[in-house]
N, C-alpha and C. Protein backbone atom coordinates (compact mmCIF):
# COMPACT_ATOMS: atom_id res chain seq x y z
N MET A 1 -10.48 33.23 5.35
CA MET A 1 -11.43 32.14 5.16
C MET A 1 -11.04 31.31 3.94
N ASN A 2 -10.67 31.98 2.86
CA ASN A 2 -10.31 31.28 1.63
C ASN A 2 -9.08 30.41 1.83
N VAL A 3 -8.12 30.91 2.62
CA VAL A 3 -6.90 30.14 2.90
C VAL A 3 -7.25 28.88 3.68
N LEU A 4 -8.14 29.02 4.67
CA LEU A 4 -8.56 27.85 5.46
C LEU A 4 -9.28 26.82 4.60
N LEU A 5 -10.10 27.29 3.70
CA LEU A 5 -10.82 26.39 2.80
C LEU A 5 -9.84 25.64 1.91
N ASN A 6 -8.85 26.35 1.38
CA ASN A 6 -7.85 25.71 0.53
C ASN A 6 -7.03 24.68 1.31
N LEU A 7 -6.66 25.02 2.55
CA LEU A 7 -5.90 24.08 3.38
C LEU A 7 -6.73 22.84 3.69
N ASN A 8 -8.02 23.04 3.97
CA ASN A 8 -8.90 21.91 4.25
C ASN A 8 -9.02 21.00 3.02
N LEU A 9 -9.20 21.59 1.86
CA LEU A 9 -9.31 20.80 0.63
C LEU A 9 -8.00 20.07 0.34
N PHE A 10 -6.88 20.75 0.57
CA PHE A 10 -5.58 20.12 0.35
C PHE A 10 -5.38 18.95 1.30
N HIS A 11 -5.77 19.14 2.56
CA HIS A 11 -5.64 18.07 3.56
C HIS A 11 -6.52 16.87 3.19
N ARG A 12 -7.74 17.13 2.76
CA ARG A 12 -8.64 16.04 2.33
C ARG A 12 -8.07 15.31 1.13
N LEU A 13 -7.49 16.05 0.19
CA LEU A 13 -6.88 15.43 -0.98
C LEU A 13 -5.71 14.54 -0.57
N GLN A 14 -4.90 15.03 0.37
CA GLN A 14 -3.78 14.22 0.87
C GLN A 14 -4.28 12.93 1.51
N LEU A 15 -5.34 13.02 2.29
CA LEU A 15 -5.90 11.83 2.93
C LEU A 15 -6.44 10.84 1.91
N GLU A 16 -7.12 11.34 0.90
CA GLU A 16 -7.66 10.47 -0.14
C GLU A 16 -6.53 9.78 -0.92
N ILE A 17 -5.49 10.53 -1.24
CA ILE A 17 -4.35 9.94 -1.96
C ILE A 17 -3.67 8.89 -1.09
N SER A 18 -3.50 9.17 0.19
CA SER A 18 -2.89 8.20 1.11
C SER A 18 -3.73 6.94 1.19
N HIS A 19 -5.03 7.11 1.32
CA HIS A 19 -5.92 5.95 1.43
C HIS A 19 -5.89 5.12 0.14
N LEU A 20 -5.93 5.78 -0.99
CA LEU A 20 -5.87 5.07 -2.27
C LEU A 20 -4.54 4.36 -2.44
N THR A 21 -3.46 5.01 -2.05
CA THR A 21 -2.13 4.39 -2.13
C THR A 21 -2.07 3.14 -1.27
N LEU A 22 -2.61 3.20 -0.06
CA LEU A 22 -2.64 2.04 0.82
C LEU A 22 -3.43 0.90 0.21
N LYS A 23 -4.57 1.23 -0.40
CA LYS A 23 -5.38 0.18 -1.03
C LYS A 23 -4.63 -0.47 -2.19
N ILE A 24 -3.94 0.34 -2.98
CA ILE A 24 -3.17 -0.20 -4.11
C ILE A 24 -2.04 -1.08 -3.61
N LEU A 25 -1.30 -0.61 -2.60
CA LEU A 25 -0.20 -1.40 -2.05
C LEU A 25 -0.71 -2.69 -1.41
N HIS A 26 -1.84 -2.61 -0.74
CA HIS A 26 -2.43 -3.81 -0.14
C HIS A 26 -2.80 -4.81 -1.23
N PHE A 27 -3.40 -4.32 -2.31
CA PHE A 27 -3.80 -5.21 -3.40
C PHE A 27 -2.58 -5.87 -4.03
N ILE A 28 -1.53 -5.08 -4.28
CA ILE A 28 -0.31 -5.62 -4.88
C ILE A 28 0.35 -6.62 -3.93
N SER A 29 0.40 -6.29 -2.65
CA SER A 29 1.05 -7.20 -1.70
C SER A 29 0.26 -8.49 -1.52
N SER A 30 -1.03 -8.46 -1.84
CA SER A 30 -1.84 -9.67 -1.78
C SER A 30 -1.61 -10.57 -2.98
N HIS A 31 -0.94 -10.06 -3.99
CA HIS A 31 -0.67 -10.81 -5.21
C HIS A 31 0.82 -10.75 -5.54
N PRO A 32 1.67 -11.37 -4.70
CA PRO A 32 3.12 -11.26 -4.90
C PRO A 32 3.60 -11.86 -6.21
N GLN A 33 2.79 -12.71 -6.82
CA GLN A 33 3.21 -13.30 -8.09
C GLN A 33 3.33 -12.24 -9.19
N TRP A 34 2.73 -11.08 -8.98
CA TRP A 34 2.83 -10.01 -9.97
C TRP A 34 4.20 -9.33 -9.94
N LEU A 35 4.97 -9.59 -8.89
CA LEU A 35 6.27 -8.94 -8.77
C LEU A 35 7.29 -9.53 -9.72
N SER A 36 6.99 -10.66 -10.30
CA SER A 36 7.90 -11.28 -11.27
C SER A 36 7.06 -12.01 -12.30
N GLU A 37 7.71 -12.45 -13.35
CA GLU A 37 7.00 -13.15 -14.42
C GLU A 37 6.58 -14.55 -13.99
N SER A 38 7.35 -15.17 -13.14
CA SER A 38 7.08 -16.53 -12.71
C SER A 38 6.76 -16.55 -11.22
N PRO A 39 5.67 -17.21 -10.82
CA PRO A 39 5.35 -17.26 -9.40
C PRO A 39 6.39 -18.02 -8.58
N ASN A 40 7.19 -18.84 -9.22
CA ASN A 40 8.22 -19.61 -8.51
C ASN A 40 9.59 -18.98 -8.62
N ASP A 41 9.65 -17.77 -9.13
CA ASP A 41 10.91 -17.06 -9.29
C ASP A 41 11.57 -16.87 -7.93
N ASP A 42 12.90 -17.04 -7.88
CA ASP A 42 13.64 -16.91 -6.62
C ASP A 42 13.43 -15.53 -5.98
N ALA A 43 13.37 -14.49 -6.80
CA ALA A 43 13.21 -13.14 -6.26
C ALA A 43 11.87 -12.99 -5.55
N THR A 44 10.81 -13.56 -6.14
CA THR A 44 9.50 -13.47 -5.52
C THR A 44 9.46 -14.26 -4.22
N CYS A 45 10.02 -15.46 -4.24
CA CYS A 45 10.05 -16.28 -3.02
C CYS A 45 10.85 -15.58 -1.93
N PHE A 46 11.96 -14.97 -2.31
CA PHE A 46 12.78 -14.25 -1.33
C PHE A 46 12.00 -13.09 -0.74
N LEU A 47 11.31 -12.34 -1.59
CA LEU A 47 10.59 -11.16 -1.11
C LEU A 47 9.43 -11.55 -0.22
N THR A 48 8.64 -12.54 -0.63
CA THR A 48 7.47 -12.90 0.16
C THR A 48 7.84 -13.59 1.45
N ASN A 49 9.04 -14.15 1.55
CA ASN A 49 9.50 -14.77 2.79
C ASN A 49 10.25 -13.79 3.68
N ASP A 50 10.46 -12.59 3.20
CA ASP A 50 11.19 -11.57 3.97
C ASP A 50 10.31 -11.07 5.11
N PRO A 51 10.79 -11.11 6.36
CA PRO A 51 9.97 -10.64 7.50
C PRO A 51 9.54 -9.18 7.38
N LYS A 52 10.38 -8.33 6.79
CA LYS A 52 10.00 -6.92 6.63
C LYS A 52 8.84 -6.79 5.65
N PHE A 53 8.87 -7.58 4.58
CA PHE A 53 7.77 -7.56 3.61
C PHE A 53 6.49 -8.06 4.27
N GLN A 54 6.59 -9.12 5.04
CA GLN A 54 5.42 -9.67 5.72
C GLN A 54 4.87 -8.67 6.75
N ALA A 55 5.75 -8.01 7.47
CA ALA A 55 5.31 -7.02 8.47
C ALA A 55 4.62 -5.84 7.80
N SER A 56 5.18 -5.37 6.69
CA SER A 56 4.56 -4.24 6.00
C SER A 56 3.23 -4.66 5.38
N THR A 57 3.15 -5.90 4.91
CA THR A 57 1.89 -6.41 4.37
C THR A 57 0.82 -6.45 5.46
N ASN A 58 1.20 -6.93 6.64
CA ASN A 58 0.25 -6.98 7.76
C ASN A 58 -0.20 -5.57 8.15
N LEU A 59 0.74 -4.64 8.18
CA LEU A 59 0.39 -3.26 8.51
C LEU A 59 -0.55 -2.67 7.46
N LEU A 60 -0.27 -2.92 6.19
CA LEU A 60 -1.14 -2.42 5.12
C LEU A 60 -2.53 -3.01 5.23
N GLN A 61 -2.62 -4.29 5.56
CA GLN A 61 -3.93 -4.92 5.70
C GLN A 61 -4.72 -4.28 6.83
N LYS A 62 -4.06 -3.99 7.95
CA LYS A 62 -4.74 -3.35 9.07
C LYS A 62 -5.20 -1.94 8.70
N LEU A 63 -4.33 -1.19 8.02
CA LEU A 63 -4.68 0.18 7.65
C LEU A 63 -5.78 0.21 6.59
N ALA A 64 -5.74 -0.72 5.65
CA ALA A 64 -6.73 -0.74 4.57
C ALA A 64 -8.10 -1.17 5.08
N SER A 65 -8.14 -1.91 6.18
CA SER A 65 -9.42 -2.39 6.69
C SER A 65 -10.16 -1.34 7.51
N ARG A 66 -9.51 -0.21 7.77
CA ARG A 66 -10.15 0.85 8.57
C ARG A 66 -11.18 1.58 7.78
């Protein structure tokens, strides 16, 4: 019984950490200007225009809204 309780608590902790991580990543991806000192920096423009970045941002938004 004690082992099952510990596994359940560990699983819940993992879920909470995952959910919090998604919220943090969603918040950061919503503010790409934080990725560099200048909002017009070439690196930021390159990253925010990257299809993989946009796809992961969309996925994070869907997951965070659940």
